[in-house]
N, C-alpha and C. Protein backbone atom coordinates (compact mmCIF):
# COMPACT_ATOMS: atom_id res chain seq x y z
N UNK A 1 0.81 -1.20 0.00
CA UNK A 1 0.00 0.00 0.00
C UNK A 1 0.86 1.27 0.00
N UNK A 2 1.99 1.24 0.69
CA UNK A 2 2.84 2.42 0.80
C UNK A 2 4.17 2.21 0.10
N UNK A 3 4.16 1.51 -1.01
CA UNK A 3 5.40 1.18 -1.71
C UNK A 3 6.19 2.41 -2.16
N UNK A 4 5.50 3.46 -2.61
CA UNK A 4 6.19 4.62 -3.20
C UNK A 4 6.76 5.57 -2.16
N UNK A 5 6.49 5.37 -0.89
CA UNK A 5 6.96 6.28 0.15
C UNK A 5 8.49 6.32 0.19
N UNK A 6 9.13 5.22 -0.08
CA UNK A 6 10.59 5.15 -0.04
C UNK A 6 11.27 6.01 -1.08
N UNK A 7 10.55 6.43 -2.11
CA UNK A 7 11.14 7.25 -3.16
C UNK A 7 11.03 8.75 -2.87
N UNK A 8 10.47 9.12 -1.72
CA UNK A 8 10.31 10.53 -1.37
C UNK A 8 11.54 11.00 -0.61
N UNK A 9 12.21 12.03 -1.15
CA UNK A 9 13.42 12.53 -0.49
C UNK A 9 13.05 13.54 0.61
N UNK A 10 14.07 13.99 1.35
CA UNK A 10 13.85 14.90 2.48
C UNK A 10 13.21 16.22 2.05
N UNK A 11 13.65 16.77 0.94
CA UNK A 11 13.10 18.05 0.47
C UNK A 11 11.62 17.89 0.13
N UNK A 12 11.27 16.82 -0.54
CA UNK A 12 9.86 16.56 -0.86
C UNK A 12 9.04 16.40 0.40
N UNK A 13 9.63 15.78 1.40
CA UNK A 13 8.96 15.59 2.68
C UNK A 13 8.66 16.94 3.34
N UNK A 14 9.63 17.86 3.31
CA UNK A 14 9.44 19.19 3.89
C UNK A 14 8.37 19.96 3.12
N UNK A 15 8.39 19.87 1.79
CA UNK A 15 7.40 20.56 0.98
C UNK A 15 6.00 19.99 1.23
N UNK A 16 5.91 18.68 1.38
CA UNK A 16 4.64 18.05 1.69
C UNK A 16 4.11 18.53 3.03
N UNK A 17 4.99 18.59 4.01
CA UNK A 17 4.59 19.07 5.35
C UNK A 17 4.05 20.50 5.26
N UNK A 18 4.70 21.36 4.50
CA UNK A 18 4.23 22.74 4.32
C UNK A 18 2.83 22.74 3.70
N UNK A 19 2.61 21.90 2.70
CA UNK A 19 1.31 21.83 2.03
C UNK A 19 0.22 21.38 2.99
N UNK A 20 0.52 20.37 3.78
CA UNK A 20 -0.46 19.86 4.75
C UNK A 20 -0.78 20.93 5.79
N UNK A 21 0.24 21.66 6.24
CA UNK A 21 0.00 22.73 7.21
C UNK A 21 -0.84 23.84 6.62
N UNK A 22 -0.63 24.17 5.35
CA UNK A 22 -1.42 25.22 4.69
C UNK A 22 -2.89 24.81 4.63
N UNK A 23 -3.16 23.63 4.15
CA UNK A 23 -4.54 23.16 4.03
C UNK A 23 -5.15 22.92 5.40
N UNK A 24 -4.32 22.53 6.37
CA UNK A 24 -4.83 22.23 7.70
C UNK A 24 -5.07 23.45 8.57
N UNK A 25 -4.66 24.63 8.12
CA UNK A 25 -4.93 25.83 8.91
C UNK A 25 -6.43 26.02 9.03
N UNK A 26 -6.83 26.52 10.17
CA UNK A 26 -8.26 26.72 10.40
C UNK A 26 -8.87 27.56 9.29
N UNK A 27 -9.94 27.07 8.72
CA UNK A 27 -10.75 27.69 7.69
C UNK A 27 -10.24 27.49 6.26
N UNK A 28 -8.99 27.12 6.05
CA UNK A 28 -8.46 27.03 4.68
C UNK A 28 -9.25 26.05 3.82
N UNK A 29 -9.47 24.84 4.33
CA UNK A 29 -10.21 23.84 3.54
C UNK A 29 -11.64 24.28 3.31
N UNK A 30 -12.26 24.90 4.31
CA UNK A 30 -13.64 25.38 4.15
C UNK A 30 -13.72 26.47 3.08
N UNK A 31 -12.72 27.31 3.01
CA UNK A 31 -12.68 28.36 1.97
C UNK A 31 -12.54 27.73 0.60
N UNK A 32 -11.65 26.77 0.48
CA UNK A 32 -11.47 26.09 -0.82
C UNK A 32 -12.76 25.40 -1.25
N UNK A 33 -13.44 24.76 -0.31
CA UNK A 33 -14.71 24.10 -0.64
C UNK A 33 -15.78 25.10 -1.03
N UNK A 34 -15.82 26.24 -0.34
CA UNK A 34 -16.80 27.29 -0.69
C UNK A 34 -16.56 27.79 -2.11
N UNK A 35 -15.30 27.99 -2.46
CA UNK A 35 -14.97 28.42 -3.83
C UNK A 35 -15.34 27.35 -4.84
N UNK A 36 -15.12 26.09 -4.50
CA UNK A 36 -15.46 25.00 -5.41
C UNK A 36 -16.97 24.91 -5.62
N UNK A 37 -17.74 25.31 -4.61
CA UNK A 37 -19.20 25.27 -4.73
C UNK A 37 -19.77 26.51 -5.41
N UNK A 38 -18.91 27.44 -5.81
CA UNK A 38 -19.38 28.57 -6.60
C UNK A 38 -19.28 29.95 -5.98
N UNK A 39 -18.94 30.04 -4.70
CA UNK A 39 -18.77 31.36 -4.09
C UNK A 39 -17.57 32.05 -4.75
N UNK A 40 -17.70 33.34 -5.03
CA UNK A 40 -16.60 34.06 -5.66
C UNK A 40 -16.26 35.36 -4.93
N UNK A 41 -17.27 36.11 -4.60
CA UNK A 41 -17.04 37.39 -3.95
C UNK A 41 -16.80 37.18 -2.46
N UNK A 42 -16.12 38.13 -1.85
CA UNK A 42 -15.75 38.03 -0.45
C UNK A 42 -16.98 37.71 0.42
N UNK A 43 -18.06 38.44 0.21
CA UNK A 43 -19.27 38.24 1.01
C UNK A 43 -19.88 36.87 0.82
N UNK A 44 -19.80 36.33 -0.39
CA UNK A 44 -20.31 34.99 -0.66
C UNK A 44 -19.49 33.94 0.08
N UNK A 45 -18.19 34.10 0.05
CA UNK A 45 -17.31 33.15 0.75
C UNK A 45 -17.55 33.27 2.25
N UNK A 46 -17.64 34.50 2.74
CA UNK A 46 -17.88 34.72 4.17
C UNK A 46 -19.19 34.06 4.61
N UNK A 47 -20.22 34.18 3.81
CA UNK A 47 -21.51 33.57 4.12
C UNK A 47 -21.43 32.04 4.10
N UNK A 48 -20.63 31.50 3.18
CA UNK A 48 -20.52 30.05 3.02
C UNK A 48 -19.67 29.40 4.11
N UNK A 49 -18.77 30.17 4.71
CA UNK A 49 -17.87 29.64 5.74
C UNK A 49 -18.35 30.17 7.09
N UNK A 50 -19.23 29.42 7.69
CA UNK A 50 -19.88 29.84 8.93
C UNK A 50 -18.88 30.01 10.07
N UNK A 51 -18.87 31.20 10.67
CA UNK A 51 -18.06 31.43 11.86
C UNK A 51 -16.74 32.15 11.63
N UNK A 52 -16.32 32.33 10.39
CA UNK A 52 -15.04 33.00 10.12
C UNK A 52 -15.23 34.52 10.20
N UNK A 53 -14.24 35.20 10.74
CA UNK A 53 -14.30 36.66 10.80
C UNK A 53 -13.84 37.23 9.46
N UNK A 54 -14.24 38.46 9.19
CA UNK A 54 -13.81 39.14 7.96
C UNK A 54 -12.29 39.22 7.88
N UNK A 55 -11.66 39.57 9.00
CA UNK A 55 -10.20 39.73 9.01
C UNK A 55 -9.51 38.41 8.70
N UNK A 56 -9.95 37.33 9.33
CA UNK A 56 -9.29 36.05 9.11
C UNK A 56 -9.57 35.52 7.70
N UNK A 57 -10.76 35.78 7.17
CA UNK A 57 -11.04 35.39 5.79
C UNK A 57 -10.09 36.10 4.84
N UNK A 58 -9.87 37.39 5.06
CA UNK A 58 -8.95 38.14 4.20
C UNK A 58 -7.53 37.58 4.29
N UNK A 59 -7.10 37.22 5.50
CA UNK A 59 -5.76 36.65 5.70
C UNK A 59 -5.64 35.31 4.98
N UNK A 60 -6.63 34.42 5.17
CA UNK A 60 -6.57 33.10 4.54
C UNK A 60 -6.64 33.19 3.02
N UNK A 61 -7.49 34.06 2.50
CA UNK A 61 -7.55 34.21 1.04
C UNK A 61 -6.19 34.66 0.50
N UNK A 62 -5.54 35.59 1.20
CA UNK A 62 -4.22 36.06 0.77
C UNK A 62 -3.21 34.92 0.80
N UNK A 63 -3.23 34.09 1.85
CA UNK A 63 -2.31 32.95 1.93
C UNK A 63 -2.56 31.98 0.77
N UNK A 64 -3.81 31.70 0.49
CA UNK A 64 -4.15 30.76 -0.59
C UNK A 64 -3.78 31.34 -1.95
N UNK A 65 -3.90 32.66 -2.10
CA UNK A 65 -3.47 33.31 -3.34
C UNK A 65 -1.96 33.24 -3.48
N UNK A 66 -1.24 33.49 -2.40
CA UNK A 66 0.22 33.45 -2.43
C UNK A 66 0.73 32.07 -2.83
N UNK A 67 0.02 31.03 -2.42
CA UNK A 67 0.42 29.65 -2.74
C UNK A 67 -0.17 29.18 -4.07
N UNK A 68 -0.79 30.09 -4.83
CA UNK A 68 -1.34 29.80 -6.15
C UNK A 68 -2.46 28.75 -6.12
N UNK A 69 -3.25 28.77 -5.04
CA UNK A 69 -4.42 27.90 -4.96
C UNK A 69 -5.69 28.66 -5.32
N UNK A 70 -5.64 29.98 -5.12
CA UNK A 70 -6.78 30.85 -5.40
C UNK A 70 -6.26 32.03 -6.22
N UNK A 71 -7.05 32.41 -7.24
CA UNK A 71 -6.69 33.61 -8.00
C UNK A 71 -7.71 34.70 -7.72
N UNK A 72 -7.22 35.90 -7.65
CA UNK A 72 -8.03 37.09 -7.36
C UNK A 72 -8.10 37.91 -8.63
N UNK A 73 -9.32 38.22 -9.06
CA UNK A 73 -9.51 39.02 -10.27
C UNK A 73 -10.24 40.30 -9.89
N UNK A 74 -9.67 41.43 -10.30
CA UNK A 74 -10.29 42.73 -10.05
C UNK A 74 -11.00 43.15 -11.33
N UNK A 75 -12.29 43.42 -11.22
CA UNK A 75 -13.09 43.85 -12.36
C UNK A 75 -13.35 45.34 -12.20
N UNK A 76 -12.83 46.15 -13.14
CA UNK A 76 -12.91 47.61 -12.99
C UNK A 76 -14.31 48.16 -13.28
N UNK A 77 -15.20 47.98 -12.32
CA UNK A 77 -16.54 48.54 -12.41
C UNK A 77 -16.68 49.55 -11.27
N UNK A 78 -17.82 50.19 -11.19
CA UNK A 78 -18.07 51.10 -10.07
C UNK A 78 -19.24 50.55 -9.28
N UNK A 79 -19.04 50.11 -8.06
CA UNK A 79 -17.75 49.98 -7.38
C UNK A 79 -16.94 48.80 -7.94
N UNK A 80 -15.66 48.78 -7.62
CA UNK A 80 -14.77 47.73 -8.10
C UNK A 80 -15.29 46.38 -7.60
N UNK A 81 -15.26 45.40 -8.47
CA UNK A 81 -15.70 44.06 -8.11
C UNK A 81 -14.48 43.14 -8.06
N UNK A 82 -14.39 42.39 -6.99
CA UNK A 82 -13.27 41.45 -6.83
C UNK A 82 -13.86 40.04 -6.75
N UNK A 83 -13.32 39.17 -7.58
CA UNK A 83 -13.77 37.77 -7.61
C UNK A 83 -12.59 36.86 -7.28
N UNK A 84 -12.89 35.81 -6.56
CA UNK A 84 -11.91 34.79 -6.21
C UNK A 84 -12.32 33.49 -6.87
N UNK A 85 -11.35 32.71 -7.31
CA UNK A 85 -11.64 31.43 -7.94
C UNK A 85 -10.46 30.49 -7.68
N UNK A 86 -10.77 29.21 -7.70
CA UNK A 86 -9.70 28.22 -7.57
C UNK A 86 -8.84 28.24 -8.83
N UNK A 87 -7.55 28.11 -8.65
CA UNK A 87 -6.64 27.94 -9.77
C UNK A 87 -6.66 26.46 -10.17
N UNK A 88 -5.96 26.13 -11.22
CA UNK A 88 -5.83 24.72 -11.60
C UNK A 88 -5.24 23.92 -10.44
N UNK A 89 -4.25 24.50 -9.78
CA UNK A 89 -3.62 23.84 -8.64
C UNK A 89 -4.61 23.64 -7.49
N UNK A 90 -5.44 24.64 -7.23
CA UNK A 90 -6.45 24.54 -6.18
C UNK A 90 -7.49 23.48 -6.50
N UNK A 91 -7.91 23.41 -7.75
CA UNK A 91 -8.88 22.39 -8.16
C UNK A 91 -8.27 20.99 -8.02
N UNK A 92 -7.01 20.87 -8.40
CA UNK A 92 -6.33 19.57 -8.29
C UNK A 92 -6.17 19.16 -6.82
N UNK A 93 -5.90 20.14 -5.96
CA UNK A 93 -5.80 19.85 -4.54
C UNK A 93 -7.13 19.30 -4.01
N UNK A 94 -8.24 19.90 -4.42
CA UNK A 94 -9.54 19.42 -3.97
C UNK A 94 -9.81 17.99 -4.44
N UNK A 95 -9.34 17.66 -5.64
CA UNK A 95 -9.48 16.28 -6.12
C UNK A 95 -8.75 15.35 -5.15
N UNK A 96 -7.57 15.77 -4.70
CA UNK A 96 -6.81 14.96 -3.76
C UNK A 96 -7.45 14.89 -2.38
N UNK A 97 -8.22 15.91 -2.01
CA UNK A 97 -8.88 15.92 -0.70
C UNK A 97 -10.20 15.15 -0.69
N UNK A 98 -10.73 14.83 -1.86
CA UNK A 98 -12.03 14.16 -1.92
C UNK A 98 -12.07 12.85 -1.13
N UNK A 99 -11.03 12.01 -1.15
CA UNK A 99 -11.11 10.80 -0.31
C UNK A 99 -11.26 11.14 1.18
N UNK A 100 -10.61 12.21 1.64
CA UNK A 100 -10.75 12.61 3.04
C UNK A 100 -12.17 13.12 3.31
N UNK A 101 -12.73 13.87 2.37
CA UNK A 101 -14.10 14.35 2.52
C UNK A 101 -15.07 13.17 2.57
N UNK A 102 -14.88 12.21 1.68
CA UNK A 102 -15.74 11.02 1.69
C UNK A 102 -15.58 10.23 2.98
N UNK A 103 -14.36 10.12 3.48
CA UNK A 103 -14.11 9.42 4.74
C UNK A 103 -14.88 10.11 5.87
N UNK A 104 -14.80 11.44 5.92
CA UNK A 104 -15.51 12.18 6.97
C UNK A 104 -17.01 11.97 6.85
N UNK A 105 -17.55 11.99 5.65
CA UNK A 105 -18.98 11.79 5.46
C UNK A 105 -19.39 10.37 5.88
N UNK A 106 -18.57 9.41 5.56
CA UNK A 106 -18.90 8.02 5.91
C UNK A 106 -18.87 7.80 7.41
N UNK A 107 -17.83 8.30 8.07
CA UNK A 107 -17.64 8.03 9.49
C UNK A 107 -18.18 9.12 10.39
N UNK A 108 -18.65 10.20 9.78
CA UNK A 108 -19.26 11.31 10.53
C UNK A 108 -18.38 11.81 11.67
N UNK A 109 -17.14 12.10 11.33
CA UNK A 109 -16.23 12.67 12.31
C UNK A 109 -16.73 14.08 12.60
N UNK A 110 -17.03 14.33 13.85
CA UNK A 110 -17.65 15.59 14.25
C UNK A 110 -16.76 16.29 15.27
N UNK A 111 -16.24 17.47 14.93
CA UNK A 111 -15.34 18.17 15.86
C UNK A 111 -16.07 18.64 17.12
N UNK A 112 -17.39 18.72 17.09
CA UNK A 112 -18.14 19.17 18.26
C UNK A 112 -18.44 18.03 19.23
N UNK A 113 -18.20 16.79 18.80
CA UNK A 113 -18.46 15.63 19.66
C UNK A 113 -17.42 15.62 20.77
N UNK A 114 -17.88 15.47 21.98
CA UNK A 114 -16.99 15.47 23.14
C UNK A 114 -16.28 14.13 23.27
N UNK A 115 -15.01 14.18 23.55
CA UNK A 115 -14.22 12.97 23.79
C UNK A 115 -14.33 12.62 25.27
N UNK A 116 -14.63 11.36 25.54
CA UNK A 116 -14.75 10.90 26.92
C UNK A 116 -13.35 10.91 27.55
N UNK A 117 -13.17 11.65 28.62
CA UNK A 117 -11.87 11.81 29.27
C UNK A 117 -11.62 10.78 30.37
N UNK A 118 -12.57 9.88 30.61
CA UNK A 118 -12.40 8.92 31.73
C UNK A 118 -11.54 7.74 31.36
């Protein structure tokens, strides 16, 4: 099952860790999913990602843009319109995350469920 792991060098391992940390940051995956479902404008993404603050949404969008997962397009209208969309890289990342999404749906992993501490 894990035959190809031996071919991954140290640099690839570090880059992979960076990618996992980026996607694992709070709200990042939810933002990517909101964009995949059609949200484009800041307000649409904010509405689709329940509980995120405006400031943190702006920070996460900038991080995702910097990593070429999201592209920002400015449309010169009055007022200026800004649209966000997944890049090819962002869409490909979501394809890779689909098994995890399906796993969560199957097993209903719920972050609000309390863990028994006894």
